[in-house]
C-alpha atoms as a PDB file:
ATOM      1  CA  UNK A   1     110.907 -51.242 102.407  1.00  0.00           C
ATOM      2  CA  UNK A   2     107.162 -50.728 103.249  1.00  0.00           C
ATOM      3  CA  UNK A   3     103.644 -49.138 102.191  1.00  0.00           C
ATOM      4  CA  UNK A   4     101.799 -47.011 104.531  1.00  0.00           C
ATOM      5  CA  UNK A   5      98.321 -45.825 103.149  1.00  0.00           C
ATOM      6  CA  UNK A   6      96.529 -42.670 104.296  1.00  0.00           C
ATOM      7  CA  UNK A   7      92.922 -42.948 103.785  1.00  0.00           C
ATOM      8  CA  UNK A   8      90.750 -40.770 105.721  1.00  0.00           C
ATOM      9  CA  UNK A   9      87.269 -41.523 107.204  1.00  0.00           C
ATOM     10  CA  UNK A  10      85.564 -38.420 104.966  1.00  0.00           C
ATOM     11  CA  UNK A  11      87.159 -39.665 101.980  1.00  0.00           C
ATOM     12  CA  UNK A  12      85.824 -43.063 102.696  1.00  0.00           C
ATOM     13  CA  UNK A  13      82.329 -41.417 103.424  1.00  0.00           C
ATOM     14  CA  UNK A  14      82.275 -39.447 100.075  1.00  0.00           C
ATOM     15  CA  UNK A  15      83.908 -42.650  97.838  1.00  0.00           C
ATOM     16  CA  UNK A  16      80.603 -44.801  99.484  1.00  0.00           C
ATOM     17  CA  UNK A  17      78.126 -42.427  99.067  1.00  0.00           C
ATOM     18  CA  UNK A  18      78.810 -41.647  95.558  1.00  0.00           C
ATOM     19  CA  UNK A  19      79.045 -45.785  94.730  1.00  0.00           C
ATOM     20  CA  UNK A  20      75.836 -45.930  96.635  1.00  0.00           C
ATOM     21  CA  UNK A  21      74.244 -43.757  94.740  1.00  0.00           C
ATOM     22  CA  UNK A  22      75.721 -45.385  91.340  1.00  0.00           C
ATOM     23  CA  UNK A  23      74.569 -48.369  92.325  1.00  0.00           C
ATOM     24  CA  UNK A  24      71.369 -47.402  92.480  1.00  0.00           C
ATOM     25  CA  UNK A  25      71.073 -45.105  89.294  1.00  0.00           C
ATOM     26  CA  UNK A  26      72.108 -47.417  87.435  1.00  0.00           C
ATOM     27  CA  UNK A  27      70.526 -50.846  88.988  1.00  0.00           C
ATOM     28  CA  UNK A  28      73.870 -52.573  90.086  1.00  0.00           C
ATOM     29  CA  UNK A  29      75.732 -51.552  87.087  1.00  0.00           C
ATOM     30  CA  UNK A  30      78.308 -49.857  88.696  1.00  0.00           C
ATOM     31  CA  UNK A  31      78.996 -52.480  91.594  1.00  0.00           C
ATOM     32  CA  UNK A  32      80.684 -53.862  88.404  1.00  0.00           C
ATOM     33  CA  UNK A  33      83.037 -50.659  88.098  1.00  0.00           C
ATOM     34  CA  UNK A  34      83.641 -50.573  91.723  1.00  0.00           C
ATOM     35  CA  UNK A  35      85.873 -52.874  92.411  1.00  0.00           C
ATOM     36  CA  UNK A  36      88.150 -50.911  90.395  1.00  0.00           C
ATOM     37  CA  UNK A  37      87.187 -47.691  91.641  1.00  0.00           C
ATOM     38  CA  UNK A  38      88.191 -48.982  95.312  1.00  0.00           C
ATOM     39  CA  UNK A  39      91.414 -50.384  94.686  1.00  0.00           C
ATOM     40  CA  UNK A  40      92.213 -47.297  92.983  1.00  0.00           C
ATOM     41  CA  UNK A  41      91.118 -45.393  95.822  1.00  0.00           C
ATOM     42  CA  UNK A  42      93.144 -47.015  97.981  1.00  0.00           C
ATOM     43  CA  UNK A  43      96.537 -47.549  95.725  1.00  0.00           C
ATOM     44  CA  UNK A  44      96.330 -43.637  94.821  1.00  0.00           C
ATOM     45  CA  UNK A  45      96.797 -42.604  98.651  1.00  0.00           C
ATOM     46  CA  UNK A  46      99.471 -45.208  99.200  1.00  0.00           C
ATOM     47  CA  UNK A  47     102.903 -44.339  99.733  1.00  0.00           C
ATOM     48  CA  UNK A  48     106.152 -47.128  99.197  1.00  0.00           C
ATOM     49  CA  UNK A  49     108.406 -46.117 102.103  1.00  0.00           C
ATOM     50  CA  UNK A  50     111.927 -46.537 101.337  1.00  0.00           C
ATOM     51  CA  UNK A  51     114.614 -48.014 103.923  1.00  0.00           C
ATOM     52  CA  UNK A  52     116.153 -44.221 104.463  1.00  0.00           C
ATOM     53  CA  UNK A  53     112.601 -43.133 105.213  1.00  0.00           C
ATOM     54  CA  UNK A  54     111.481 -41.462 101.924  1.00  0.00           C
ATOM     55  CA  UNK A  55     108.694 -41.724 100.543  1.00  0.00           C
ATOM     56  CA  UNK A  56     107.164 -42.724  97.211  1.00  0.00           C
ATOM     57  CA  UNK A  57     103.621 -42.227  95.490  1.00  0.00           C
ATOM     58  CA  UNK A  58     102.271 -45.187  94.033  1.00  0.00           C
ATOM     59  CA  UNK A  59     100.313 -44.304  91.012  1.00  0.00           C
ATOM     60  CA  UNK A  60      97.413 -46.734  89.972  1.00  0.00           C
ATOM     61  CA  UNK A  61      96.803 -46.549  86.180  1.00  0.00           C
ATOM     62  CA  UNK A  62      93.751 -48.087  85.868  1.00  0.00           C
ATOM     63  CA  UNK A  63      90.903 -46.074  83.908  1.00  0.00           C
ATOM     64  CA  UNK A  64      87.681 -46.836  83.368  1.00  0.00           C
ATOM     65  CA  UNK A  65      88.019 -47.168  79.277  1.00  0.00           C
ATOM     66  CA  UNK A  66      90.761 -49.481  79.940  1.00  0.00           C
ATOM     67  CA  UNK A  67      88.376 -51.660  82.398  1.00  0.00           C
ATOM     68  CA  UNK A  68      84.928 -52.057  80.112  1.00  0.00           C
ATOM     69  CA  UNK A  69      86.652 -55.608  78.127  1.00  0.00           C
ATOM     70  CA  UNK A  70      87.877 -56.884  81.582  1.00  0.00           C
ATOM     71  CA  UNK A  71      84.262 -55.892  82.768  1.00  0.00           C
ATOM     72  CA  UNK A  72      81.976 -57.415  79.967  1.00  0.00           C
ATOM     73  CA  UNK A  73      84.448 -60.558  80.714  1.00  0.00           C
ATOM     74  CA  UNK A  74      83.668 -60.573  84.487  1.00  0.00           C
ATOM     75  CA  UNK A  75      79.671 -59.536  83.961  1.00  0.00           C
ATOM     76  CA  UNK A  76      79.639 -62.756  81.715  1.00  0.00           C
ATOM     77  CA  UNK A  77      81.299 -64.871  84.443  1.00  0.00           C
ATOM     78  CA  UNK A  78      79.040 -63.593  87.103  1.00  0.00           C
ATOM     79  CA  UNK A  79      75.894 -64.484  85.094  1.00  0.00           C
ATOM     80  CA  UNK A  80      76.811 -67.588  83.760  1.00  0.00           C
ATOM     81  CA  UNK A  81      78.012 -69.018  87.903  1.00  0.00           C
ATOM     82  CA  UNK A  82      75.088 -67.736  89.581  1.00  0.00           C
ATOM     83  CA  UNK A  83      76.728 -64.712  90.892  1.00  0.00           C
ATOM     84  CA  UNK A  84      79.832 -66.727  92.245  1.00  0.00           C
ATOM     85  CA  UNK A  85      81.675 -65.411  89.691  1.00  0.00           C
ATOM     86  CA  UNK A  86      81.804 -61.665  91.185  1.00  0.00           C
ATOM     87  CA  UNK A  87      83.711 -63.282  94.123  1.00  0.00           C
ATOM     88  CA  UNK A  88      86.524 -64.046  92.032  1.00  0.00           C
ATOM     89  CA  UNK A  89      86.402 -61.090  90.025  1.00  0.00           C
ATOM     90  CA  UNK A  90      87.145 -58.994  92.661  1.00  0.00           C
ATOM     91  CA  UNK A  91      90.262 -60.599  94.057  1.00  0.00           C
ATOM     92  CA  UNK A  92      91.294 -60.455  89.786  1.00  0.00           C
ATOM     93  CA  UNK A  93      90.246 -56.664  89.920  1.00  0.00           C
ATOM     94  CA  UNK A  94      92.795 -56.131  92.726  1.00  0.00           C
ATOM     95  CA  UNK A  95      95.411 -58.457  90.475  1.00  0.00           C
ATOM     96  CA  UNK A  96      94.929 -56.305  87.512  1.00  0.00           C
ATOM     97  CA  UNK A  97      94.908 -53.008  89.280  1.00  0.00           C
ATOM     98  CA  UNK A  98      98.161 -53.821  91.092  1.00  0.00           C
ATOM     99  CA  UNK A  99      99.566 -55.034  87.960  1.00  0.00           C
ATOM    100  CA  UNK A 100      98.730 -50.856  86.524  1.00  0.00           C
ATOM    101  CA  UNK A 101     100.504 -49.408  89.458  1.00  0.00           C
ATOM    102  CA  UNK A 102     103.822 -47.188  89.240  1.00  0.00           C
ATOM    103  CA  UNK A 103     105.796 -45.678  91.701  1.00  0.00           C
ATOM    104  CA  UNK A 104     105.884 -42.332  91.573  1.00  0.00           C
END
């Protein structure tokens, strides 16, 4: 089995523009939600290819309301550690997102 990502340059550009605007509008608070969006963006555009070459979609089941508690905890950790916690946060978001992914 292998994984194939189908992420286009235009998709990336639109996604980045949206998040830059959201970050500016919210004075950076959106940056705590961006890692979830980024992980979901990549995972939902990926496929698991089985031994016979049959692609199966990967579906990330994270959403804004399910992430609020996780985000609040990591905001506090990031503030207490003067921003160093955010680096670990990005990895934990990927862990959380992959654990909430199913093959469709």
